[in-house]
Amino acid sequence: MKCPYCGYTESKVTDSRPTEDALKIRRRRECAKCGGRFTTYELVENTPLMVIKKDKSRQPFDRTKLLNGLLRACEKRPVSIETLENVVDEIEYHYANVLTKEISSRELGEQAMEYLRKIDDVAYVRFVSVYREFADIESFLEELQKLAQGKQV
């Protein structure tokens, strides 16, 4: 860390503590050459999670888009917005803790479907029908049969 007074690069930390929001570390430093004291802040560097779309383009992850998709699937269903916000939080938290910084929209959609399957069957079917872009009624019925068989077990 370069001293703001003399430009010397060696300093020692005299005090270190988290900021009020606990997102940064405040450090008091003392220059080894001139003895000047100064404050620095250390924070975690966040690289944005990128979503690889079907057309191979890349976009930053947007939690609002995911939440809106879940809200549409749960429209007029007994699912609270808090529940859906928790789903988005869990998905976002999962990807914040993996080593990769790029995910496919397909993987993101599959994970959202798994959460919806556990929350509400109708919302799950709605989400799947839009997400998987069923070409015909037979493929849609296949998905419904899989869901029904899973409930009988």
C-alpha atoms as a PDB file:
ATOM      1  CA  MET A   1       0.000   0.000   0.000  1.00  0.00           C
ATOM      2  CA  LYS A   2       1.478   3.330  -1.056  1.00  0.00           C
ATOM      3  CA  CYS A   3       1.710   6.057   1.601  1.00  0.00           C
ATOM      4  CA  PRO A   4      -0.427   9.072   0.572  1.00  0.00           C
ATOM      5  CA  TYR A   5       2.125  11.450   2.136  1.00  0.00           C
ATOM      6  CA  CYS A   6       5.526  10.263   0.875  1.00  0.00           C
ATOM      7  CA  GLY A   7       4.679   7.498  -1.623  1.00  0.00           C
ATOM      8  CA  TYR A   8       6.670   4.823   0.218  1.00  0.00           C
ATOM      9  CA  THR A   9       5.213   1.342  -0.293  1.00  0.00           C
ATOM     10  CA  GLU A  10       5.948  -0.214   3.119  1.00  0.00           C
ATOM     11  CA  SER A  11       3.480   0.266   5.968  1.00  0.00           C
ATOM     12  CA  LYS A  12       2.264  -1.619   8.992  1.00  0.00           C
ATOM     13  CA  VAL A  13      -1.307  -2.164  10.133  1.00  0.00           C
ATOM     14  CA  THR A  14      -1.934  -0.608  13.559  1.00  0.00           C
ATOM     15  CA  ASP A  15      -5.671  -1.338  13.840  1.00  0.00           C
ATOM     16  CA  SER A  16      -8.106  -3.509  11.911  1.00  0.00           C
ATOM     17  CA  ARG A  17     -11.876  -3.842  12.317  1.00  0.00           C
ATOM     18  CA  PRO A  18     -14.997  -4.497  10.228  1.00  0.00           C
ATOM     19  CA  THR A  19     -17.149  -1.579   9.080  1.00  0.00           C
ATOM     20  CA  GLU A  20     -20.693  -1.204  10.443  1.00  0.00           C
ATOM     21  CA  ASP A  21     -22.191  -3.075   7.492  1.00  0.00           C
ATOM     22  CA  ALA A  22     -19.562  -5.856   7.887  1.00  0.00           C
ATOM     23  CA  LEU A  23     -18.867  -5.750   4.148  1.00  0.00           C
ATOM     24  CA  LYS A  24     -15.420  -4.146   4.446  1.00  0.00           C
ATOM     25  CA  ILE A  25     -12.413  -4.201   6.759  1.00  0.00           C
ATOM     26  CA  ARG A  26     -11.148  -0.802   7.935  1.00  0.00           C
ATOM     27  CA  ARG A  27      -7.383  -0.744   8.464  1.00  0.00           C
ATOM     28  CA  ARG A  28      -5.330   2.000  10.108  1.00  0.00           C
ATOM     29  CA  ARG A  29      -1.800   2.005   8.708  1.00  0.00           C
ATOM     30  CA  GLU A  30       1.463   3.684   9.571  1.00  0.00           C
ATOM     31  CA  CYS A  31       4.106   4.438   6.940  1.00  0.00           C
ATOM     32  CA  ALA A  32       7.461   2.769   7.694  1.00  0.00           C
ATOM     33  CA  LYS A  33       9.369   5.759   6.256  1.00  0.00           C
ATOM     34  CA  CYS A  34       7.609   9.001   7.303  1.00  0.00           C
ATOM     35  CA  GLY A  35       5.398   7.679  10.126  1.00  0.00           C
ATOM     36  CA  GLY A  36       2.252   9.128   8.514  1.00  0.00           C
ATOM     37  CA  ARG A  37      -1.001   7.410   9.440  1.00  0.00           C
ATOM     38  CA  PHE A  38      -3.768   6.666   6.970  1.00  0.00           C
ATOM     39  CA  THR A  39      -6.863   4.495   6.622  1.00  0.00           C
ATOM     40  CA  THR A  40      -7.545   1.875   3.970  1.00  0.00           C
ATOM     41  CA  TYR A  41     -10.588  -0.291   3.312  1.00  0.00           C
ATOM     42  CA  GLU A  42     -10.485  -3.874   2.133  1.00  0.00           C
ATOM     43  CA  LEU A  43     -13.484  -5.505   0.456  1.00  0.00           C
ATOM     44  CA  VAL A  44     -14.265  -8.711  -1.350  1.00  0.00           C
ATOM     45  CA  GLU A  45     -14.016  -8.427  -5.105  1.00  0.00           C
ATOM     46  CA  ASN A  46     -17.199  -9.686  -6.701  1.00  0.00           C
ATOM     47  CA  THR A  47     -17.146 -10.798 -10.294  1.00  0.00           C
ATOM     48  CA  PRO A  48     -20.645 -10.882 -11.735  1.00  0.00           C
ATOM     49  CA  LEU A  49     -22.256 -14.205 -12.539  1.00  0.00           C
ATOM     50  CA  MET A  50     -22.812 -14.441 -16.293  1.00  0.00           C
ATOM     51  CA  VAL A  51     -25.682 -16.378 -17.857  1.00  0.00           C
ATOM     52  CA  ILE A  52     -25.076 -18.020 -21.235  1.00  0.00           C
ATOM     53  CA  LYS A  53     -28.295 -17.743 -23.228  1.00  0.00           C
ATOM     54  CA  LYS A  54     -29.564 -20.209 -25.863  1.00  0.00           C
ATOM     55  CA  ASP A  55     -28.111 -18.078 -28.661  1.00  0.00           C
ATOM     56  CA  LYS A  56     -24.682 -18.230 -26.887  1.00  0.00           C
ATOM     57  CA  SER A  57     -24.821 -14.552 -25.890  1.00  0.00           C
ATOM     58  CA  ARG A  58     -23.889 -13.668 -22.322  1.00  0.00           C
ATOM     59  CA  GLN A  59     -25.761 -11.478 -19.833  1.00  0.00           C
ATOM     60  CA  PRO A  60     -25.152 -10.680 -16.185  1.00  0.00           C
ATOM     61  CA  PHE A  61     -27.379 -12.703 -13.855  1.00  0.00           C
ATOM     62  CA  ASP A  62     -30.508 -10.699 -13.087  1.00  0.00           C
ATOM     63  CA  ARG A  63     -32.381 -11.884 -10.019  1.00  0.00           C
ATOM     64  CA  THR A  64     -35.384  -9.729 -10.979  1.00  0.00           C
ATOM     65  CA  LYS A  65     -35.856 -11.644 -14.247  1.00  0.00           C
ATOM     66  CA  LEU A  66     -35.764 -14.966 -12.410  1.00  0.00           C
ATOM     67  CA  LEU A  67     -38.159 -13.729  -9.730  1.00  0.00           C
ATOM     68  CA  ASN A  68     -40.572 -12.394 -12.364  1.00  0.00           C
ATOM     69  CA  GLY A  69     -40.593 -15.775 -14.125  1.00  0.00           C
ATOM     70  CA  LEU A  70     -41.374 -17.523 -10.851  1.00  0.00           C
ATOM     71  CA  LEU A  71     -44.076 -14.968 -10.028  1.00  0.00           C
ATOM     72  CA  ARG A  72     -45.754 -15.550 -13.397  1.00  0.00           C
ATOM     73  CA  ALA A  73     -45.754 -19.307 -12.809  1.00  0.00           C
ATOM     74  CA  CYS A  74     -47.249 -18.831  -9.329  1.00  0.00           C
ATOM     75  CA  GLU A  75     -49.900 -16.324 -10.365  1.00  0.00           C
ATOM     76  CA  LYS A  76     -53.181 -17.005  -8.519  1.00  0.00           C
ATOM     77  CA  ARG A  77     -51.491 -19.801  -6.544  1.00  0.00           C
ATOM     78  CA  PRO A  78     -51.092 -19.959  -2.746  1.00  0.00           C
ATOM     79  CA  VAL A  79     -47.352 -19.209  -2.887  1.00  0.00           C
ATOM     80  CA  SER A  80     -46.033 -16.163  -1.044  1.00  0.00           C
ATOM     81  CA  ILE A  81     -43.608 -13.731  -2.609  1.00  0.00           C
ATOM     82  CA  GLU A  82     -41.310 -14.367   0.367  1.00  0.00           C
ATOM     83  CA  THR A  83     -41.114 -18.032  -0.610  1.00  0.00           C
ATOM     84  CA  LEU A  84     -40.148 -17.106  -4.161  1.00  0.00           C
ATOM     85  CA  GLU A  85     -37.623 -14.522  -2.973  1.00  0.00           C
ATOM     86  CA  ASN A  86     -36.071 -17.247  -0.808  1.00  0.00           C
ATOM     87  CA  VAL A  87     -35.826 -19.509  -3.864  1.00  0.00           C
ATOM     88  CA  VAL A  88     -34.027 -16.770  -5.809  1.00  0.00           C
ATOM     89  CA  ASP A  89     -31.770 -16.117  -2.787  1.00  0.00           C
ATOM     90  CA  GLU A  90     -30.868 -19.808  -2.559  1.00  0.00           C
ATOM     91  CA  ILE A  91     -30.130 -20.068  -6.283  1.00  0.00           C
ATOM     92  CA  GLU A  92     -28.052 -16.884  -6.189  1.00  0.00           C
ATOM     93  CA  TYR A  93     -26.214 -18.060  -3.062  1.00  0.00           C
ATOM     94  CA  HIS A  94     -25.489 -21.431  -4.668  1.00  0.00           C
ATOM     95  CA  TYR A  95     -23.854 -19.844  -7.707  1.00  0.00           C
ATOM     96  CA  ALA A  96     -21.965 -17.294  -5.607  1.00  0.00           C
ATOM     97  CA  ASN A  97     -20.233 -20.218  -3.890  1.00  0.00           C
ATOM     98  CA  VAL A  98     -19.223 -22.266  -6.915  1.00  0.00           C
ATOM     99  CA  LEU A  99     -15.974 -21.754  -8.762  1.00  0.00           C
ATOM    100  CA  THR A 100     -17.543 -21.076 -12.136  1.00  0.00           C
ATOM    101  CA  LYS A 101     -18.704 -17.561 -12.983  1.00  0.00           C
ATOM    102  CA  GLU A 102     -20.740 -18.598 -16.030  1.00  0.00           C
ATOM    103  CA  ILE A 103     -23.840 -20.769 -16.111  1.00  0.00           C
ATOM    104  CA  SER A 104     -26.197 -21.713 -18.881  1.00  0.00           C
ATOM    105  CA  SER A 105     -29.750 -20.417 -18.841  1.00  0.00           C
ATOM    106  CA  ARG A 106     -30.778 -24.064 -19.136  1.00  0.00           C
ATOM    107  CA  GLU A 107     -29.027 -24.962 -15.867  1.00  0.00           C
ATOM    108  CA  LEU A 108     -30.570 -21.945 -14.155  1.00  0.00           C
ATOM    109  CA  GLY A 109     -34.044 -22.898 -15.406  1.00  0.00           C
ATOM    110  CA  GLU A 110     -33.629 -26.517 -14.320  1.00  0.00           C
ATOM    111  CA  GLN A 111     -32.725 -25.420 -10.826  1.00  0.00           C
ATOM    112  CA  ALA A 112     -35.731 -23.084 -10.655  1.00  0.00           C
ATOM    113  CA  MET A 113     -37.967 -25.965 -11.825  1.00  0.00           C
ATOM    114  CA  GLU A 114     -36.688 -28.221  -9.034  1.00  0.00           C
ATOM    115  CA  TYR A 115     -37.626 -25.639  -6.415  1.00  0.00           C
ATOM    116  CA  LEU A 116     -41.073 -25.096  -7.966  1.00  0.00           C
ATOM    117  CA  ARG A 117     -41.694 -28.844  -8.072  1.00  0.00           C
ATOM    118  CA  LYS A 118     -41.342 -28.903  -4.277  1.00  0.00           C
ATOM    119  CA  ILE A 119     -43.455 -25.778  -3.734  1.00  0.00           C
ATOM    120  CA  ASP A 120     -46.483 -26.064  -6.039  1.00  0.00           C
ATOM    121  CA  ASP A 121     -47.358 -28.588  -8.764  1.00  0.00           C
ATOM    122  CA  VAL A 122     -49.417 -26.187 -10.866  1.00  0.00           C
ATOM    123  CA  ALA A 123     -46.725 -23.499 -10.783  1.00  0.00           C
ATOM    124  CA  TYR A 124     -44.176 -26.150 -11.721  1.00  0.00           C
ATOM    125  CA  VAL A 125     -46.211 -27.250 -14.764  1.00  0.00           C
ATOM    126  CA  ARG A 126     -46.709 -23.635 -15.842  1.00  0.00           C
ATOM    127  CA  PHE A 127     -42.991 -22.898 -15.571  1.00  0.00           C
ATOM    128  CA  VAL A 128     -42.029 -26.100 -17.391  1.00  0.00           C
ATOM    129  CA  SER A 129     -44.501 -25.469 -20.204  1.00  0.00           C
ATOM    130  CA  VAL A 130     -42.962 -22.053 -20.924  1.00  0.00           C
ATOM    131  CA  TYR A 131     -39.370 -23.039 -20.209  1.00  0.00           C
ATOM    132  CA  ARG A 132     -39.273 -26.255 -22.234  1.00  0.00           C
ATOM    133  CA  GLU A 133     -41.317 -24.802 -25.105  1.00  0.00           C
ATOM    134  CA  PHE A 134     -43.362 -27.947 -25.672  1.00  0.00           C
ATOM    135  CA  ALA A 135     -43.902 -28.504 -29.364  1.00  0.00           C
ATOM    136  CA  ASP A 136     -47.031 -30.611 -28.955  1.00  0.00           C
ATOM    137  CA  ILE A 137     -49.579 -31.875 -26.436  1.00  0.00           C
ATOM    138  CA  GLU A 138     -47.908 -35.300 -26.190  1.00  0.00           C
ATOM    139  CA  SER A 139     -44.681 -33.908 -24.728  1.00  0.00           C
ATOM    140  CA  PHE A 140     -46.722 -31.814 -22.303  1.00  0.00           C
ATOM    141  CA  LEU A 141     -48.723 -34.889 -21.221  1.00  0.00           C
ATOM    142  CA  GLU A 142     -45.475 -36.847 -20.740  1.00  0.00           C
ATOM    143  CA  GLU A 143     -44.283 -34.216 -18.273  1.00  0.00           C
ATOM    144  CA  LEU A 144     -47.621 -34.340 -16.430  1.00  0.00           C
ATOM    145  CA  GLN A 145     -47.396 -38.140 -16.208  1.00  0.00           C
ATOM    146  CA  LYS A 146     -43.868 -37.916 -14.771  1.00  0.00           C
ATOM    147  CA  LEU A 147     -45.139 -35.481 -12.167  1.00  0.00           C
ATOM    148  CA  ALA A 148     -48.118 -37.684 -11.292  1.00  0.00           C
ATOM    149  CA  GLN A 149     -45.915 -40.798 -10.990  1.00  0.00           C
ATOM    150  CA  GLY A 150     -43.531 -38.951  -8.711  1.00  0.00           C
ATOM    151  CA  LYS A 151     -46.419 -38.051  -6.380  1.00  0.00           C
ATOM    152  CA  GLN A 152     -47.623 -41.680  -6.175  1.00  0.00           C
ATOM    153  CA  VAL A 153     -44.317 -43.010  -4.886  1.00  0.00           C
END
